[in-house]
Amino acid sequence: MTKFEPSRRDALAFAGAAVAGVATSSLWSAKDAAAKAPFSAAKADAFYSFNLGDMQVSVVSDGYLAFGDGRKFMSGYTNEEMGERLTSHFLDPENMILEENITVVNTGSKLAIIDTGMGASKMFGDTTGRLPANLGAAGIDPAAIDAVILSHCHPDHAGGLVDADGKSIFPNAEVFVNEEDFKFWTDEAKLSGDLKPFIELARNNLLPHKDRMQFIKDGQEVVTGITAIAAPGHTVGHTMFMLSSGGKSVAVTADCGHHSVLMVETPKIEFGYDTDAKQAVQSRLKVWDMLSTDRIPFIAFHFPWPGLGNLAKAGDGYRYYPSPVRHP
């Protein structure tokens, strides 16, 4: 089993480059114009909503994970091979960014959220934990959430159930999770091992909700229109979900694949944070084949924001086609 050693990474610093203008007369210069029109400090709201049959689906960001050179967490290909693939997509191999795209589903009668982000934990740096603010920007009250549905119990998925004071962020919600995954990540015996930071965070978030927790199984309709599909390997009970309404479907694939290039074009690649990497690959291949064959759009938790797109078969792998983000 691969050891889990979560890094405490600083946020990536992004520097902007100013483009100088050319003066058209002695009375005007680019410098003067810049002084009169300062750079905007406004930030876009990090949510995107669309309709699926009679449902409204919103993708809400919890921020992003800055992995640095993420190739060191992956195996099956050389650094050079992975680097060539990344640079061919204009991606810097030494600055791997994994988004945290959280799905909120309004069925008309129930309001459900799939996964909760990192919460107050800074285990992976300070670029996460933005879900509560972004839910507010999207007009979604956490107290109105009826169901919190967890794909698995890793920190970036189950870490946002409570705030920094241990108070429930979703006080009126039932919590749904795979029983095997729950038992694995809350096992007190693992507190003395390499998984300690992960176990502590899972226990702090999950155990306070034990009295309103329900365990889900493969094929179960968790909430009307949201069906659980077992996809183990990344964790023992890793689960994805199918949203269905009005004859239309969208899959929420959670961590079936973390990277939109490496785990799509070379889907047999293995990831160091998988509990069983071989099983994770088999689950990924099965899911990718289903999505591409049946042309089912999907939301990937870690793909570039907002993680909505389609897959098509391409040689021995696949190709990811992001869906256009449509504005009203």
C-alpha atoms as a PDB file:
ATOM      1  CA  MET A   1       0.000   0.000   0.000  1.00  0.00           C
ATOM      2  CA  THR A   2       1.296   3.436  -0.891  1.00  0.00           C
ATOM      3  CA  LYS A   3       2.051   5.633   2.088  1.00  0.00           C
ATOM      4  CA  PHE A   4      -0.023   8.751   2.417  1.00  0.00           C
ATOM      5  CA  GLU A   5       2.111  11.728   3.360  1.00  0.00           C
ATOM      6  CA  PRO A   6       0.013  14.845   2.765  1.00  0.00           C
ATOM      7  CA  SER A   7       2.126  17.864   1.919  1.00  0.00           C
ATOM      8  CA  ARG A   8       1.628  21.323   3.368  1.00  0.00           C
ATOM      9  CA  ARG A   9       2.077  23.316   0.196  1.00  0.00           C
ATOM     10  CA  ASP A  10       2.138  27.035  -0.205  1.00  0.00           C
ATOM     11  CA  ALA A  11      -0.247  28.563  -2.698  1.00  0.00           C
ATOM     12  CA  LEU A  12       1.148  29.158  -6.157  1.00  0.00           C
ATOM     13  CA  ALA A  13       1.987  32.798  -6.825  1.00  0.00           C
ATOM     14  CA  PHE A  14       0.784  34.126 -10.114  1.00  0.00           C
ATOM     15  CA  ALA A  15       2.352  37.227 -11.553  1.00  0.00           C
ATOM     16  CA  GLY A  16       0.713  39.294 -14.264  1.00  0.00           C
ATOM     17  CA  ALA A  17       2.638  40.942 -17.051  1.00  0.00           C
ATOM     18  CA  ALA A  18       1.655  44.441 -18.212  1.00  0.00           C
ATOM     19  CA  VAL A  19       1.595  45.170 -21.914  1.00  0.00           C
ATOM     20  CA  ALA A  20       2.923  48.565 -22.894  1.00  0.00           C
ATOM     21  CA  GLY A  21       0.945  50.645 -25.355  1.00  0.00           C
ATOM     22  CA  VAL A  22       2.283  52.927 -28.033  1.00  0.00           C
ATOM     23  CA  ALA A  23       1.460  56.617 -27.704  1.00  0.00           C
ATOM     24  CA  THR A  24      -0.368  58.106 -30.650  1.00  0.00           C
ATOM     25  CA  SER A  25       0.390  61.697 -29.710  1.00  0.00           C
ATOM     26  CA  SER A  26       2.450  63.725 -27.271  1.00  0.00           C
ATOM     27  CA  LEU A  27      -0.718  64.348 -25.208  1.00  0.00           C
ATOM     28  CA  TRP A  28      -1.448  60.660 -24.474  1.00  0.00           C
ATOM     29  CA  SER A  29       0.596  57.721 -23.200  1.00  0.00           C
ATOM     30  CA  ALA A  30      -0.055  54.173 -22.004  1.00  0.00           C
ATOM     31  CA  LYS A  31       1.300  55.202 -18.609  1.00  0.00           C
ATOM     32  CA  ASP A  32      -1.303  57.948 -18.271  1.00  0.00           C
ATOM     33  CA  ALA A  33      -4.103  55.556 -19.276  1.00  0.00           C
ATOM     34  CA  ALA A  34      -3.015  52.957 -16.725  1.00  0.00           C
ATOM     35  CA  ALA A  35      -3.083  55.587 -13.972  1.00  0.00           C
ATOM     36  CA  LYS A  36      -6.677  56.501 -14.877  1.00  0.00           C
ATOM     37  CA  ALA A  37      -7.816  52.861 -15.235  1.00  0.00           C
ATOM     38  CA  PRO A  38      -6.314  50.738 -12.451  1.00  0.00           C
ATOM     39  CA  PHE A  39      -6.461  46.954 -12.599  1.00  0.00           C
ATOM     40  CA  SER A  40      -9.738  45.575 -11.307  1.00  0.00           C
ATOM     41  CA  ALA A  41      -9.718  43.725  -7.980  1.00  0.00           C
ATOM     42  CA  ALA A  42     -13.129  42.161  -8.624  1.00  0.00           C
ATOM     43  CA  LYS A  43     -13.323  38.361  -8.527  1.00  0.00           C
ATOM     44  CA  ALA A  44     -15.727  36.122 -10.394  1.00  0.00           C
ATOM     45  CA  ASP A  45     -18.194  34.070  -8.387  1.00  0.00           C
ATOM     46  CA  ALA A  46     -16.953  30.481  -8.511  1.00  0.00           C
ATOM     47  CA  PHE A  47     -20.176  28.659  -9.374  1.00  0.00           C
ATOM     48  CA  TYR A  48     -21.869  27.511 -12.547  1.00  0.00           C
ATOM     49  CA  SER A  49     -25.474  26.307 -12.851  1.00  0.00           C
ATOM     50  CA  PHE A  50     -27.398  24.484 -15.564  1.00  0.00           C
ATOM     51  CA  ASN A  51     -30.653  22.576 -15.938  1.00  0.00           C
ATOM     52  CA  LEU A  52     -30.881  18.807 -16.303  1.00  0.00           C
ATOM     53  CA  GLY A  53     -34.478  17.862 -17.036  1.00  0.00           C
ATOM     54  CA  ASP A  54     -36.401  19.019 -13.981  1.00  0.00           C
ATOM     55  CA  MET A  55     -33.222  19.411 -11.894  1.00  0.00           C
ATOM     56  CA  GLN A  56     -30.951  22.364 -11.410  1.00  0.00           C
ATOM     57  CA  VAL A  57     -27.310  21.372 -11.115  1.00  0.00           C
ATOM     58  CA  SER A  58     -24.665  23.755  -9.783  1.00  0.00           C
ATOM     59  CA  VAL A  59     -20.920  23.258  -9.695  1.00  0.00           C
ATOM     60  CA  VAL A  60     -19.441  25.211  -6.799  1.00  0.00           C
ATOM     61  CA  SER A  61     -15.700  25.569  -6.229  1.00  0.00           C
ATOM     62  CA  ASP A  62     -13.919  24.837  -2.966  1.00  0.00           C
ATOM     63  CA  GLY A  63     -10.688  26.189  -4.496  1.00  0.00           C
ATOM     64  CA  TYR A  64      -7.822  24.133  -5.841  1.00  0.00           C
ATOM     65  CA  LEU A  65      -4.964  21.875  -4.804  1.00  0.00           C
ATOM     66  CA  ALA A  66      -1.489  23.018  -5.839  1.00  0.00           C
ATOM     67  CA  PHE A  67       0.498  19.811  -6.357  1.00  0.00           C
ATOM     68  CA  GLY A  68       3.686  21.306  -7.793  1.00  0.00           C
ATOM     69  CA  ASP A  69       5.292  18.596  -9.901  1.00  0.00           C
ATOM     70  CA  GLY A  70       2.455  16.097  -9.658  1.00  0.00           C
ATOM     71  CA  ARG A  71       4.326  13.540 -11.734  1.00  0.00           C
ATOM     72  CA  LYS A  72       6.032  12.332  -8.553  1.00  0.00           C
ATOM     73  CA  PHE A  73       2.652  11.012  -7.370  1.00  0.00           C
ATOM     74  CA  MET A  74       2.070   9.046 -10.590  1.00  0.00           C
ATOM     75  CA  SER A  75       3.610   5.890 -12.011  1.00  0.00           C
ATOM     76  CA  GLY A  76       3.470   3.787 -15.135  1.00  0.00           C
ATOM     77  CA  TYR A  77       5.191   6.334 -17.378  1.00  0.00           C
ATOM     78  CA  THR A  78       8.485   8.195 -17.160  1.00  0.00           C
ATOM     79  CA  ASN A  79       8.668  11.819 -16.082  1.00  0.00           C
ATOM     80  CA  GLU A  80       9.716  12.683 -19.607  1.00  0.00           C
ATOM     81  CA  GLU A  81       6.709  10.935 -21.161  1.00  0.00           C
ATOM     82  CA  MET A  82       4.295  12.607 -18.764  1.00  0.00           C
ATOM     83  CA  GLY A  83       6.011  15.951 -19.242  1.00  0.00           C
ATOM     84  CA  GLU A  84       5.678  15.751 -23.011  1.00  0.00           C
ATOM     85  CA  ARG A  85       1.963  15.089 -22.741  1.00  0.00           C
ATOM     86  CA  LEU A  86       1.466  17.987 -20.353  1.00  0.00           C
ATOM     87  CA  THR A  87       3.467  20.489 -22.392  1.00  0.00           C
ATOM     88  CA  SER A  88       1.633  19.420 -25.557  1.00  0.00           C
ATOM     89  CA  HIS A  89      -1.502  20.708 -23.797  1.00  0.00           C
ATOM     90  CA  PHE A  90       0.285  23.926 -22.769  1.00  0.00           C
ATOM     91  CA  LEU A  91       0.467  22.775 -19.131  1.00  0.00           C
ATOM     92  CA  ASP A  92       3.495  23.275 -16.899  1.00  0.00           C
ATOM     93  CA  PRO A  93       4.591  19.854 -15.557  1.00  0.00           C
ATOM     94  CA  GLU A  94       5.972  21.505 -12.415  1.00  0.00           C
ATOM     95  CA  ASN A  95       2.763  23.367 -11.566  1.00  0.00           C
ATOM     96  CA  MET A  96       0.001  20.776 -11.504  1.00  0.00           C
ATOM     97  CA  ILE A  97      -3.331  22.218 -10.379  1.00  0.00           C
ATOM     98  CA  LEU A  98      -6.247  20.018  -9.366  1.00  0.00           C
ATOM     99  CA  GLU A  99      -9.551  21.845  -8.981  1.00  0.00           C
ATOM    100  CA  GLU A 100     -12.210  21.011  -6.394  1.00  0.00           C
ATOM    101  CA  ASN A 101     -15.511  21.032  -8.282  1.00  0.00           C
ATOM    102  CA  ILE A 102     -18.396  20.292  -5.927  1.00  0.00           C
ATOM    103  CA  THR A 103     -21.819  19.376  -7.299  1.00  0.00           C
ATOM    104  CA  VAL A 104     -25.066  20.695  -5.800  1.00  0.00           C
ATOM    105  CA  VAL A 105     -28.342  19.212  -7.054  1.00  0.00           C
ATOM    106  CA  ASN A 106     -31.766  20.771  -6.578  1.00  0.00           C
ATOM    107  CA  THR A 107     -34.269  18.062  -7.487  1.00  0.00           C
ATOM    108  CA  GLY A 108     -37.252  20.326  -6.869  1.00  0.00           C
ATOM    109  CA  SER A 109     -38.051  18.574  -3.592  1.00  0.00           C
ATOM    110  CA  LYS A 110     -34.560  17.986  -2.163  1.00  0.00           C
ATOM    111  CA  LEU A 111     -31.314  19.927  -2.124  1.00  0.00           C
ATOM    112  CA  ALA A 112     -28.245  17.681  -2.144  1.00  0.00           C
ATOM    113  CA  ILE A 113     -24.512  18.347  -2.213  1.00  0.00           C
ATOM    114  CA  ILE A 114     -22.000  15.777  -3.424  1.00  0.00           C
ATOM    115  CA  ASP A 115     -18.770  16.134  -1.389  1.00  0.00           C
ATOM    116  CA  THR A 116     -17.762  19.052   0.821  1.00  0.00           C
ATOM    117  CA  GLY A 117     -14.160  20.074   0.046  1.00  0.00           C
ATOM    118  CA  MET A 118     -11.294  20.591   2.488  1.00  0.00           C
ATOM    119  CA  GLY A 119     -13.108  22.780   4.995  1.00  0.00           C
ATOM    120  CA  ALA A 120     -10.892  24.623   7.473  1.00  0.00           C
ATOM    121  CA  SER A 121      -7.940  22.251   7.055  1.00  0.00           C
ATOM    122  CA  LYS A 122      -4.752  23.659   5.524  1.00  0.00           C
ATOM    123  CA  MET A 123      -3.280  20.203   4.932  1.00  0.00           C
ATOM    124  CA  PHE A 124      -2.767  21.027   1.258  1.00  0.00           C
ATOM    125  CA  GLY A 125      -2.184  24.755   1.594  1.00  0.00           C
ATOM    126  CA  ASP A 126      -4.423  27.796   1.767  1.00  0.00           C
ATOM    127  CA  THR A 127      -6.043  27.638  -1.670  1.00  0.00           C
ATOM    128  CA  THR A 128      -8.991  25.513  -0.501  1.00  0.00           C
ATOM    129  CA  GLY A 129     -11.896  25.895   1.926  1.00  0.00           C
ATOM    130  CA  ARG A 130     -13.840  28.320  -0.255  1.00  0.00           C
ATOM    131  CA  LEU A 131     -17.052  26.296  -0.506  1.00  0.00           C
ATOM    132  CA  PRO A 132     -19.114  28.164   2.139  1.00  0.00           C
ATOM    133  CA  ALA A 133     -18.390  31.563   0.581  1.00  0.00           C
ATOM    134  CA  ASN A 134     -19.049  30.301  -2.924  1.00  0.00           C
ATOM    135  CA  LEU A 135     -22.297  28.609  -1.868  1.00  0.00           C
ATOM    136  CA  GLY A 136     -23.365  32.019  -0.585  1.00  0.00           C
ATOM    137  CA  ALA A 137     -22.430  33.636  -3.889  1.00  0.00           C
ATOM    138  CA  ALA A 138     -24.543  31.009  -5.667  1.00  0.00           C
ATOM    139  CA  GLY A 139     -27.511  31.776  -3.407  1.00  0.00           C
ATOM    140  CA  ILE A 140     -27.340  28.371  -1.705  1.00  0.00           C
ATOM    141  CA  ASP A 141     -27.861  28.306   2.066  1.00  0.00           C
ATOM    142  CA  PRO A 142     -25.932  25.408   3.693  1.00  0.00           C
ATOM    143  CA  ALA A 143     -28.740  25.142   6.250  1.00  0.00           C
ATOM    144  CA  ALA A 144     -31.134  24.349   3.383  1.00  0.00           C
ATOM    145  CA  ILE A 145     -29.108  21.309   2.277  1.00  0.00           C
ATOM    146  CA  ASP A 146     -31.152  18.138   2.867  1.00  0.00           C
ATOM    147  CA  ALA A 147     -28.492  15.594   1.925  1.00  0.00           C
ATOM    148  CA  VAL A 148     -24.696  15.544   2.003  1.00  0.00           C
ATOM    149  CA  ILE A 149     -23.563  12.694  -0.247  1.00  0.00           C
ATOM    150  CA  LEU A 150     -19.906  11.675   0.015  1.00  0.00           C
ATOM    151  CA  SER A 151     -18.036   9.908  -2.774  1.00  0.00           C
ATOM    152  CA  HIS A 152     -15.363   8.873  -0.259  1.00  0.00           C
ATOM    153  CA  CYS A 153     -13.733  10.068   2.940  1.00  0.00           C
ATOM    154  CA  HIS A 154     -10.507  11.739   1.770  1.00  0.00           C
ATOM    155  CA  PRO A 155      -9.823  15.218   3.225  1.00  0.00           C
ATOM    156  CA  ASP A 156     -10.715  17.156   0.066  1.00  0.00           C
ATOM    157  CA  HIS A 157     -14.106  15.443  -0.135  1.00  0.00           C
ATOM    158  CA  ALA A 158     -15.200  14.959   3.482  1.00  0.00           C
ATOM    159  CA  GLY A 159     -13.234  17.753   5.160  1.00  0.00           C
ATOM    160  CA  GLY A 160     -15.929  20.403   4.855  1.00  0.00           C
ATOM    161  CA  LEU A 161     -18.647  18.920   7.059  1.00  0.00           C
ATOM    162  CA  VAL A 162     -17.606  21.033  10.051  1.00  0.00           C
ATOM    163  CA  ASP A 163     -16.049  24.468  10.466  1.00  0.00           C
ATOM    164  CA  ALA A 164     -12.879  25.390  12.368  1.00  0.00           C
ATOM    165  CA  ASP A 165     -14.800  25.198  15.662  1.00  0.00           C
ATOM    166  CA  GLY A 166     -16.192  21.752  14.907  1.00  0.00           C
ATOM    167  CA  LYS A 167     -19.697  23.067  14.212  1.00  0.00           C
ATOM    168  CA  SER A 168     -21.697  21.412  11.442  1.00  0.00           C
ATOM    169  CA  ILE A 169     -21.805  23.467   8.236  1.00  0.00           C
ATOM    170  CA  PHE A 170     -24.886  21.547   7.043  1.00  0.00           C
ATOM    171  CA  PRO A 171     -26.924  21.365  10.272  1.00  0.00           C
ATOM    172  CA  ASN A 172     -30.120  19.974   8.748  1.00  0.00           C
ATOM    173  CA  ALA A 173     -28.686  17.428   6.338  1.00  0.00           C
ATOM    174  CA  GLU A 174     -28.527  13.667   6.424  1.00  0.00           C
ATOM    175  CA  VAL A 175     -25.081  12.365   5.516  1.00  0.00           C
ATOM    176  CA  PHE A 176     -24.760   9.508   3.019  1.00  0.00           C
ATOM    177  CA  VAL A 177     -21.525   7.532   2.640  1.00  0.00           C
ATOM    178  CA  ASN A 178     -20.329   4.040   1.783  1.00  0.00           C
ATOM    179  CA  GLU A 179     -20.052   2.022   5.007  1.00  0.00           C
ATOM    180  CA  GLU A 180     -16.755   0.338   4.122  1.00  0.00           C
ATOM    181  CA  ASP A 181     -15.183   3.696   3.340  1.00  0.00           C
ATOM    182  CA  PHE A 182     -16.504   5.218   6.558  1.00  0.00           C
ATOM    183  CA  LYS A 183     -15.100   2.391   8.679  1.00  0.00           C
ATOM    184  CA  PHE A 184     -11.705   2.507   6.946  1.00  0.00           C
ATOM    185  CA  TRP A 185     -11.166   6.256   7.372  1.00  0.00           C
ATOM    186  CA  THR A 186     -12.497   6.543  10.916  1.00  0.00           C
ATOM    187  CA  ASP A 187     -10.626   3.504  12.243  1.00  0.00           C
ATOM    188  CA  GLU A 188      -9.001   4.568  15.513  1.00  0.00           C
ATOM    189  CA  ALA A 189      -6.314   1.885  15.100  1.00  0.00           C
ATOM    190  CA  LYS A 190      -4.933   3.756  12.077  1.00  0.00           C
ATOM    191  CA  LEU A 191      -4.149   6.872  14.149  1.00  0.00           C
ATOM    192  CA  SER A 192      -0.705   5.458  14.921  1.00  0.00           C
ATOM    193  CA  GLY A 193       0.240   4.920  11.264  1.00  0.00           C
ATOM    194  CA  ASP A 194       1.082   6.866   8.126  1.00  0.00           C
ATOM    195  CA  LEU A 195      -2.574   7.694   7.534  1.00  0.00           C
ATOM    196  CA  LYS A 196      -2.928   9.622  10.796  1.00  0.00           C
ATOM    197  CA  PRO A 197      -3.622  13.105   9.280  1.00  0.00           C
ATOM    198  CA  PHE A 198      -6.278  11.640   6.990  1.00  0.00           C
ATOM    199  CA  ILE A 199      -7.862   9.568   9.767  1.00  0.00           C
ATOM    200  CA  GLU A 200      -7.955  12.505  12.181  1.00  0.00           C
ATOM    201  CA  LEU A 201      -9.650  14.766   9.661  1.00  0.00           C
ATOM    202  CA  ALA A 202     -12.200  12.101   8.699  1.00  0.00           C
ATOM    203  CA  ARG A 203     -13.035  11.372  12.329  1.00  0.00           C
ATOM    204  CA  ASN A 204     -13.412  15.065  13.184  1.00  0.00           C
ATOM    205  CA  ASN A 205     -15.841  15.577  10.306  1.00  0.00           C
ATOM    206  CA  LEU A 206     -17.761  12.317  10.177  1.00  0.00           C
ATOM    207  CA  LEU A 207     -18.184  11.134  13.750  1.00  0.00           C
ATOM    208  CA  PRO A 208     -20.200  14.198  14.870  1.00  0.00           C
ATOM    209  CA  HIS A 209     -22.751  13.267  12.163  1.00  0.00           C
ATOM    210  CA  LYS A 210     -23.061   9.575  13.051  1.00  0.00           C
ATOM    211  CA  ASP A 211     -26.606  10.005  14.398  1.00  0.00           C
ATOM    212  CA  ARG A 212     -27.832  11.314  11.027  1.00  0.00           C
ATOM    213  CA  MET A 213     -25.723   9.129   8.766  1.00  0.00           C
ATOM    214  CA  GLN A 214     -26.965   6.557   6.273  1.00  0.00           C
ATOM    215  CA  PHE A 215     -24.812   4.014   4.463  1.00  0.00           C
ATOM    216  CA  ILE A 216     -25.208   3.675   0.705  1.00  0.00           C
ATOM    217  CA  LYS A 217     -24.695   0.743  -1.638  1.00  0.00           C
ATOM    218  CA  ASP A 218     -23.971   0.271  -5.333  1.00  0.00           C
ATOM    219  CA  GLY A 219     -27.088   0.896  -7.432  1.00  0.00           C
ATOM    220  CA  GLN A 220     -28.984   2.660  -4.663  1.00  0.00           C
ATOM    221  CA  GLU A 221     -31.010   5.761  -5.501  1.00  0.00           C
ATOM    222  CA  VAL A 222     -29.704   7.943  -2.687  1.00  0.00           C
ATOM    223  CA  VAL A 223     -32.056  10.832  -3.417  1.00  0.00           C
ATOM    224  CA  THR A 224     -34.602  10.818  -6.232  1.00  0.00           C
ATOM    225  CA  GLY A 225     -32.582  11.138  -9.433  1.00  0.00           C
ATOM    226  CA  ILE A 226     -29.176  10.507  -7.820  1.00  0.00           C
ATOM    227  CA  THR A 227     -27.931   6.914  -8.086  1.00  0.00           C
ATOM    228  CA  ALA A 228     -24.754   5.514  -6.502  1.00  0.00           C
ATOM    229  CA  ILE A 229     -22.307   3.550  -8.688  1.00  0.00           C
ATOM    230  CA  ALA A 230     -19.436   1.705  -7.014  1.00  0.00           C
ATOM    231  CA  ALA A 231     -16.005   2.651  -8.411  1.00  0.00           C
ATOM    232  CA  PRO A 232     -13.530   1.288  -5.817  1.00  0.00           C
ATOM    233  CA  GLY A 233      -9.758   1.503  -5.844  1.00  0.00           C
ATOM    234  CA  HIS A 234      -9.040   5.130  -5.124  1.00  0.00           C
ATOM    235  CA  THR A 235     -10.477   4.225  -1.725  1.00  0.00           C
ATOM    236  CA  VAL A 236     -12.114   1.004  -0.589  1.00  0.00           C
ATOM    237  CA  GLY A 237     -15.638   2.372  -1.009  1.00  0.00           C
ATOM    238  CA  HIS A 238     -15.105   5.085  -3.601  1.00  0.00           C
ATOM    239  CA  THR A 239     -18.444   5.867  -5.253  1.00  0.00           C
ATOM    240  CA  MET A 240     -19.523   7.933  -8.244  1.00  0.00           C
ATOM    241  CA  PHE A 241     -23.078   9.079  -8.955  1.00  0.00           C
ATOM    242  CA  MET A 242     -25.450   9.315 -11.901  1.00  0.00           C
ATOM    243  CA  LEU A 243     -27.831  12.277 -12.056  1.00  0.00           C
ATOM    244  CA  SER A 244     -30.956  11.561 -14.105  1.00  0.00           C
ATOM    245  CA  SER A 245     -34.008  13.672 -14.923  1.00  0.00           C
ATOM    246  CA  GLY A 246     -36.280  14.150 -17.902  1.00  0.00           C
ATOM    247  CA  GLY A 247     -34.521  11.469 -19.918  1.00  0.00           C
ATOM    248  CA  LYS A 248     -31.123  13.168 -19.507  1.00  0.00           C
ATOM    249  CA  SER A 249     -28.117  12.115 -17.445  1.00  0.00           C
ATOM    250  CA  VAL A 250     -24.891  13.582 -16.085  1.00  0.00           C
ATOM    251  CA  ALA A 251     -22.327  11.498 -14.201  1.00  0.00           C
ATOM    252  CA  VAL A 252     -20.479  12.851 -11.162  1.00  0.00           C
ATOM    253  CA  THR A 253     -17.250  10.867 -11.335  1.00  0.00           C
ATOM    254  CA  ALA A 254     -15.538  12.095  -8.136  1.00  0.00           C
ATOM    255  CA  ASP A 255     -11.954  10.736  -8.211  1.00  0.00           C
ATOM    256  CA  CYS A 256     -12.231   8.144 -10.985  1.00  0.00           C
ATOM    257  CA  GLY A 257      -9.577  10.275 -12.665  1.00  0.00           C
ATOM    258  CA  HIS A 258      -7.677  13.210 -11.192  1.00  0.00           C
ATOM    259  CA  HIS A 259      -6.098  14.764 -14.267  1.00  0.00           C
ATOM    260  CA  SER A 260      -7.804  15.689 -17.527  1.00  0.00           C
ATOM    261  CA  VAL A 261      -4.757  14.790 -19.626  1.00  0.00           C
ATOM    262  CA  LEU A 262      -2.694  12.122 -17.879  1.00  0.00           C
ATOM    263  CA  MET A 263      -5.589  10.011 -16.607  1.00  0.00           C
ATOM    264  CA  VAL A 264      -7.555  10.404 -19.819  1.00  0.00           C
ATOM    265  CA  GLU A 265      -4.984   9.967 -22.579  1.00  0.00           C
ATOM    266  CA  THR A 266      -3.038   7.386 -20.541  1.00  0.00           C
ATOM    267  CA  PRO A 267      -5.834   5.936 -18.368  1.00  0.00           C
ATOM    268  CA  LYS A 268      -3.745   3.079 -16.958  1.00  0.00           C
ATOM    269  CA  ILE A 269      -1.514   5.517 -15.096  1.00  0.00           C
ATOM    270  CA  GLU A 270      -1.416   4.918 -11.329  1.00  0.00           C
ATOM    271  CA  PHE A 271      -1.798   7.524  -8.608  1.00  0.00           C
ATOM    272  CA  GLY A 272       0.041   7.521  -5.288  1.00  0.00           C
ATOM    273  CA  TYR A 273      -3.018   8.493  -3.247  1.00  0.00           C
ATOM    274  CA  ASP A 274      -4.974   5.414  -4.373  1.00  0.00           C
ATOM    275  CA  THR A 275      -5.565   2.779  -1.705  1.00  0.00           C
ATOM    276  CA  ASP A 276      -5.444   0.097  -4.423  1.00  0.00           C
ATOM    277  CA  ALA A 277      -3.980   1.606  -7.595  1.00  0.00           C
ATOM    278  CA  LYS A 278      -4.574  -1.498  -9.750  1.00  0.00           C
ATOM    279  CA  GLN A 279      -8.235  -1.601  -8.804  1.00  0.00           C
ATOM    280  CA  ALA A 280      -8.532   2.161  -9.328  1.00  0.00           C
ATOM    281  CA  VAL A 281      -7.281   1.759 -12.905  1.00  0.00           C
ATOM    282  CA  GLN A 282      -9.822  -0.988 -13.598  1.00  0.00           C
ATOM    283  CA  SER A 283     -12.636   1.188 -12.231  1.00  0.00           C
ATOM    284  CA  ARG A 284     -11.428   4.128 -14.318  1.00  0.00           C
ATOM    285  CA  LEU A 285     -11.336   2.096 -17.516  1.00  0.00           C
ATOM    286  CA  LYS A 286     -14.849   0.793 -16.879  1.00  0.00           C
ATOM    287  CA  VAL A 287     -16.228   4.265 -16.166  1.00  0.00           C
ATOM    288  CA  TRP A 288     -14.406   5.970 -19.056  1.00  0.00           C
ATOM    289  CA  ASP A 289     -15.693   3.273 -21.429  1.00  0.00           C
ATOM    290  CA  MET A 290     -19.274   3.792 -20.220  1.00  0.00           C
ATOM    291  CA  LEU A 291     -19.097   7.576 -20.550  1.00  0.00           C
ATOM    292  CA  SER A 292     -17.557   7.512 -24.020  1.00  0.00           C
ATOM    293  CA  THR A 293     -19.713   4.686 -25.408  1.00  0.00           C
ATOM    294  CA  ASP A 294     -22.987   6.117 -24.116  1.00  0.00           C
ATOM    295  CA  ARG A 295     -21.911   9.754 -24.697  1.00  0.00           C
ATOM    296  CA  ILE A 296     -22.794  10.711 -21.135  1.00  0.00           C
ATOM    297  CA  PRO A 297     -21.527  14.119 -19.990  1.00  0.00           C
ATOM    298  CA  PHE A 298     -19.845  14.180 -16.603  1.00  0.00           C
ATOM    299  CA  ILE A 299     -18.533  16.413 -13.845  1.00  0.00           C
ATOM    300  CA  ALA A 300     -14.999  15.522 -12.723  1.00  0.00           C
ATOM    301  CA  PHE A 301     -14.032  16.728  -9.263  1.00  0.00           C
ATOM    302  CA  HIS A 302     -10.441  17.656 -10.142  1.00  0.00           C
ATOM    303  CA  PHE A 303     -10.624  18.589 -13.835  1.00  0.00           C
ATOM    304  CA  PRO A 304     -10.267  22.237 -14.949  1.00  0.00           C
ATOM    305  CA  TRP A 305     -13.133  24.389 -13.706  1.00  0.00           C
ATOM    306  CA  PRO A 306     -16.039  23.632 -13.799  1.00  0.00           C
ATOM    307  CA  GLY A 307     -15.088  20.059 -14.702  1.00  0.00           C
ATOM    308  CA  LEU A 308     -18.024  19.488 -17.041  1.00  0.00           C
ATOM    309  CA  GLY A 309     -17.396  17.706 -20.326  1.00  0.00           C
ATOM    310  CA  ASN A 310     -17.424  14.537 -22.396  1.00  0.00           C
ATOM    311  CA  LEU A 311     -15.005  11.743 -23.234  1.00  0.00           C
ATOM    312  CA  ALA A 312     -14.332  10.143 -26.598  1.00  0.00           C
ATOM    313  CA  LYS A 313     -12.185   7.101 -27.352  1.00  0.00           C
ATOM    314  CA  ALA A 314      -8.838   7.996 -28.927  1.00  0.00           C
ATOM    315  CA  GLY A 315      -6.436   5.152 -29.718  1.00  0.00           C
ATOM    316  CA  ASP A 316      -5.478   3.346 -26.519  1.00  0.00           C
ATOM    317  CA  GLY A 317      -6.868   6.151 -24.412  1.00  0.00           C
ATOM    318  CA  TYR A 318      -9.455   8.879 -24.484  1.00  0.00           C
ATOM    319  CA  ARG A 319      -9.816  12.566 -25.163  1.00  0.00           C
ATOM    320  CA  TYR A 320     -11.581  15.042 -22.887  1.00  0.00           C
ATOM    321  CA  TYR A 321     -13.857  17.661 -24.452  1.00  0.00           C
ATOM    322  CA  PRO A 322     -14.828  20.427 -21.994  1.00  0.00           C
ATOM    323  CA  SER A 323     -18.390  21.653 -22.335  1.00  0.00           C
ATOM    324  CA  PRO A 324     -18.847  25.335 -23.147  1.00  0.00           C
ATOM    325  CA  VAL A 325     -19.809  27.418 -20.120  1.00  0.00           C
ATOM    326  CA  ARG A 326     -22.961  29.209 -21.226  1.00  0.00           C
ATOM    327  CA  HIS A 327     -23.929  32.578 -19.833  1.00  0.00           C
ATOM    328  CA  PRO A 328     -27.552  33.703 -19.496  1.00  0.00           C
END
